[in-house]
Every structure is written in C-alpha cells, then in structure tokens.
Amino acid sequence: MGLAVVTVAAGGLPVVDVTVLAPRTGLPVTEATNGRGIAVTKVIGKPGLPVTFVLPPLMRAQNDGDEVNRDRTGKVARR
C-alpha cells in the first residue's frame, strides 16, 4: 500500500509520475478516494519527487454468519 495522496491543480508537493518509465524508482503512492491525503501536483519537466501510483489493496470482508462486518466492531445486536 502506498502513501495516500490527493492530486490538486496547484499548491501541492511537486511530484513526477514515473509509473510507466521506471516504476521501481518512485515512492509508492495511492490516490485517496476520500479526499484525505497529502496534496500533490503532477509536474512535467520540472524537479519533483518521483512517485509510482499503485492500487490500494482490496479489503477482505469478515463474515459473522450472514452479516458482513465492514467496520470490525463486532456482531450487530438484534432485538
């Protein structure tokens, strides 16, 4: 899993996307879908931190009988 980042148009940490050219040389990052992460701006032809965009790992659902425990708080009380 990579560092959570949010791509913004301007004002973020300058990064250079090396996912295709040299994926093993960049810092692995993941685009945050919830909007919470380090703000980055992709730059071309300028100095920036080399990064490789990776997919986040899939969350495995934990089954508690017929209930899916997504937040891992335990079984849901029923009346």
C-alpha atoms as a PDB file:
ATOM      1  CA  MET A   1       0.000   0.000   0.000  1.00  0.00           C
ATOM      2  CA  GLY A   2       1.263   3.416  -0.882  1.00  0.00           C
ATOM      3  CA  LEU A   3       1.188   6.781   0.825  1.00  0.00           C
ATOM      4  CA  ALA A   4      -2.255   8.426   0.480  1.00  0.00           C
ATOM      5  CA  VAL A   5      -2.187  11.483  -1.771  1.00  0.00           C
ATOM      6  CA  VAL A   6      -4.726  13.853  -3.295  1.00  0.00           C
ATOM      7  CA  THR A   7      -3.853  15.328  -6.684  1.00  0.00           C
ATOM      8  CA  VAL A   8      -4.581  19.065  -6.855  1.00  0.00           C
ATOM      9  CA  ALA A   9      -4.158  21.534  -9.720  1.00  0.00           C
ATOM     10  CA  ALA A  10      -1.742  23.810  -7.858  1.00  0.00           C
ATOM     11  CA  GLY A  11      -0.189  24.296  -4.448  1.00  0.00           C
ATOM     12  CA  GLY A  12       0.705  20.698  -3.609  1.00  0.00           C
ATOM     13  CA  LEU A  13       4.024  18.920  -3.259  1.00  0.00           C
ATOM     14  CA  PRO A  14       5.508  18.711  -6.794  1.00  0.00           C
ATOM     15  CA  VAL A  15       5.741  15.095  -7.960  1.00  0.00           C
ATOM     16  CA  VAL A  16       6.855  13.415 -11.172  1.00  0.00           C
ATOM     17  CA  ASP A  17       4.857  10.313 -12.153  1.00  0.00           C
ATOM     18  CA  VAL A  18       7.339   7.551 -13.097  1.00  0.00           C
ATOM     19  CA  THR A  19       4.796   4.710 -13.031  1.00  0.00           C
ATOM     20  CA  VAL A  20       5.379   3.764 -16.674  1.00  0.00           C
ATOM     21  CA  LEU A  21       9.026   4.773 -17.164  1.00  0.00           C
ATOM     22  CA  ALA A  22      10.727   3.479 -14.005  1.00  0.00           C
ATOM     23  CA  PRO A  23       8.177   2.096 -11.514  1.00  0.00           C
ATOM     24  CA  ARG A  24      10.755   0.743  -9.067  1.00  0.00           C
ATOM     25  CA  THR A  25      12.440   4.100  -8.560  1.00  0.00           C
ATOM     26  CA  GLY A  26       9.455   6.112  -7.331  1.00  0.00           C
ATOM     27  CA  LEU A  27       7.815   6.352  -3.935  1.00  0.00           C
ATOM     28  CA  PRO A  28       4.632   4.206  -3.996  1.00  0.00           C
ATOM     29  CA  VAL A  29       1.528   6.382  -3.573  1.00  0.00           C
ATOM     30  CA  THR A  30      -2.220   5.752  -3.763  1.00  0.00           C
ATOM     31  CA  GLU A  31      -4.836   8.289  -4.813  1.00  0.00           C
ATOM     32  CA  ALA A  32      -7.080   8.810  -1.775  1.00  0.00           C
ATOM     33  CA  THR A  33     -10.729   8.358  -2.724  1.00  0.00           C
ATOM     34  CA  ASN A  34     -11.959  10.055   0.450  1.00  0.00           C
ATOM     35  CA  GLY A  35     -10.026  13.269  -0.235  1.00  0.00           C
ATOM     36  CA  ARG A  36      -7.738  12.881   2.781  1.00  0.00           C
ATOM     37  CA  GLY A  37      -4.071  12.657   1.988  1.00  0.00           C
ATOM     38  CA  ILE A  38      -1.024  14.720   1.138  1.00  0.00           C
ATOM     39  CA  ALA A  39      -1.767  17.301  -1.559  1.00  0.00           C
ATOM     40  CA  VAL A  40       0.441  16.739  -4.617  1.00  0.00           C
ATOM     41  CA  THR A  41       0.717  18.434  -8.006  1.00  0.00           C
ATOM     42  CA  LYS A  42       1.972  16.465 -11.008  1.00  0.00           C
ATOM     43  CA  VAL A  43       4.715  18.368 -12.846  1.00  0.00           C
ATOM     44  CA  ILE A  44       6.466  17.658 -16.142  1.00  0.00           C
ATOM     45  CA  GLY A  45       9.910  18.990 -16.991  1.00  0.00           C
ATOM     46  CA  LYS A  46      10.432  20.424 -13.517  1.00  0.00           C
ATOM     47  CA  PRO A  47      12.086  18.943 -10.415  1.00  0.00           C
ATOM     48  CA  GLY A  48       9.783  16.922  -8.212  1.00  0.00           C
ATOM     49  CA  LEU A  49       9.585  13.818  -6.060  1.00  0.00           C
ATOM     50  CA  PRO A  50       9.423  10.688  -8.269  1.00  0.00           C
ATOM     51  CA  VAL A  51       6.307   8.665  -7.419  1.00  0.00           C
ATOM     52  CA  THR A  52       4.667   5.470  -8.638  1.00  0.00           C
ATOM     53  CA  PHE A  53       0.874   5.273  -8.436  1.00  0.00           C
ATOM     54  CA  VAL A  54      -0.221   1.871  -7.100  1.00  0.00           C
ATOM     55  CA  LEU A  55      -3.638   0.359  -6.494  1.00  0.00           C
ATOM     56  CA  PRO A  56      -4.775   0.062  -2.881  1.00  0.00           C
ATOM     57  CA  PRO A  57      -5.156  -3.487  -1.543  1.00  0.00           C
ATOM     58  CA  LEU A  58      -8.678  -4.863  -1.562  1.00  0.00           C
ATOM     59  CA  MET A  59     -10.339  -5.114   1.835  1.00  0.00           C
ATOM     60  CA  ARG A  60     -11.404  -8.630   2.708  1.00  0.00           C
ATOM     61  CA  ALA A  61     -14.829  -8.746   4.302  1.00  0.00           C
ATOM     62  CA  GLN A  62     -15.064 -10.621   7.588  1.00  0.00           C
ATOM     63  CA  ASN A  63     -18.160 -12.785   7.797  1.00  0.00           C
ATOM     64  CA  ASP A  64     -20.035 -13.175  11.062  1.00  0.00           C
ATOM     65  CA  GLY A  65     -22.597 -15.717   9.931  1.00  0.00           C
ATOM     66  CA  ASP A  66     -24.766 -13.876   7.445  1.00  0.00           C
ATOM     67  CA  GLU A  67     -23.599 -10.392   8.483  1.00  0.00           C
ATOM     68  CA  VAL A  68     -20.638  -8.649   6.871  1.00  0.00           C
ATOM     69  CA  ASN A  69     -18.579  -6.825   9.494  1.00  0.00           C
ATOM     70  CA  ARG A  70     -17.096  -3.942   7.484  1.00  0.00           C
ATOM     71  CA  ASP A  71     -16.021  -1.751  10.375  1.00  0.00           C
ATOM     72  CA  ARG A  72     -14.778  -4.664  12.538  1.00  0.00           C
ATOM     73  CA  THR A  73     -16.730  -3.573  15.631  1.00  0.00           C
ATOM     74  CA  GLY A  74     -18.279  -6.975  16.206  1.00  0.00           C
ATOM     75  CA  LYS A  75     -21.673  -8.507  15.702  1.00  0.00           C
ATOM     76  CA  VAL A  76     -24.695  -6.278  15.412  1.00  0.00           C
ATOM     77  CA  ALA A  77     -27.165  -6.593  18.277  1.00  0.00           C
ATOM     78  CA  ARG A  78     -30.641  -7.676  17.173  1.00  0.00           C
ATOM     79  CA  ARG A  79     -33.911  -7.393  19.038  1.00  0.00           C
END
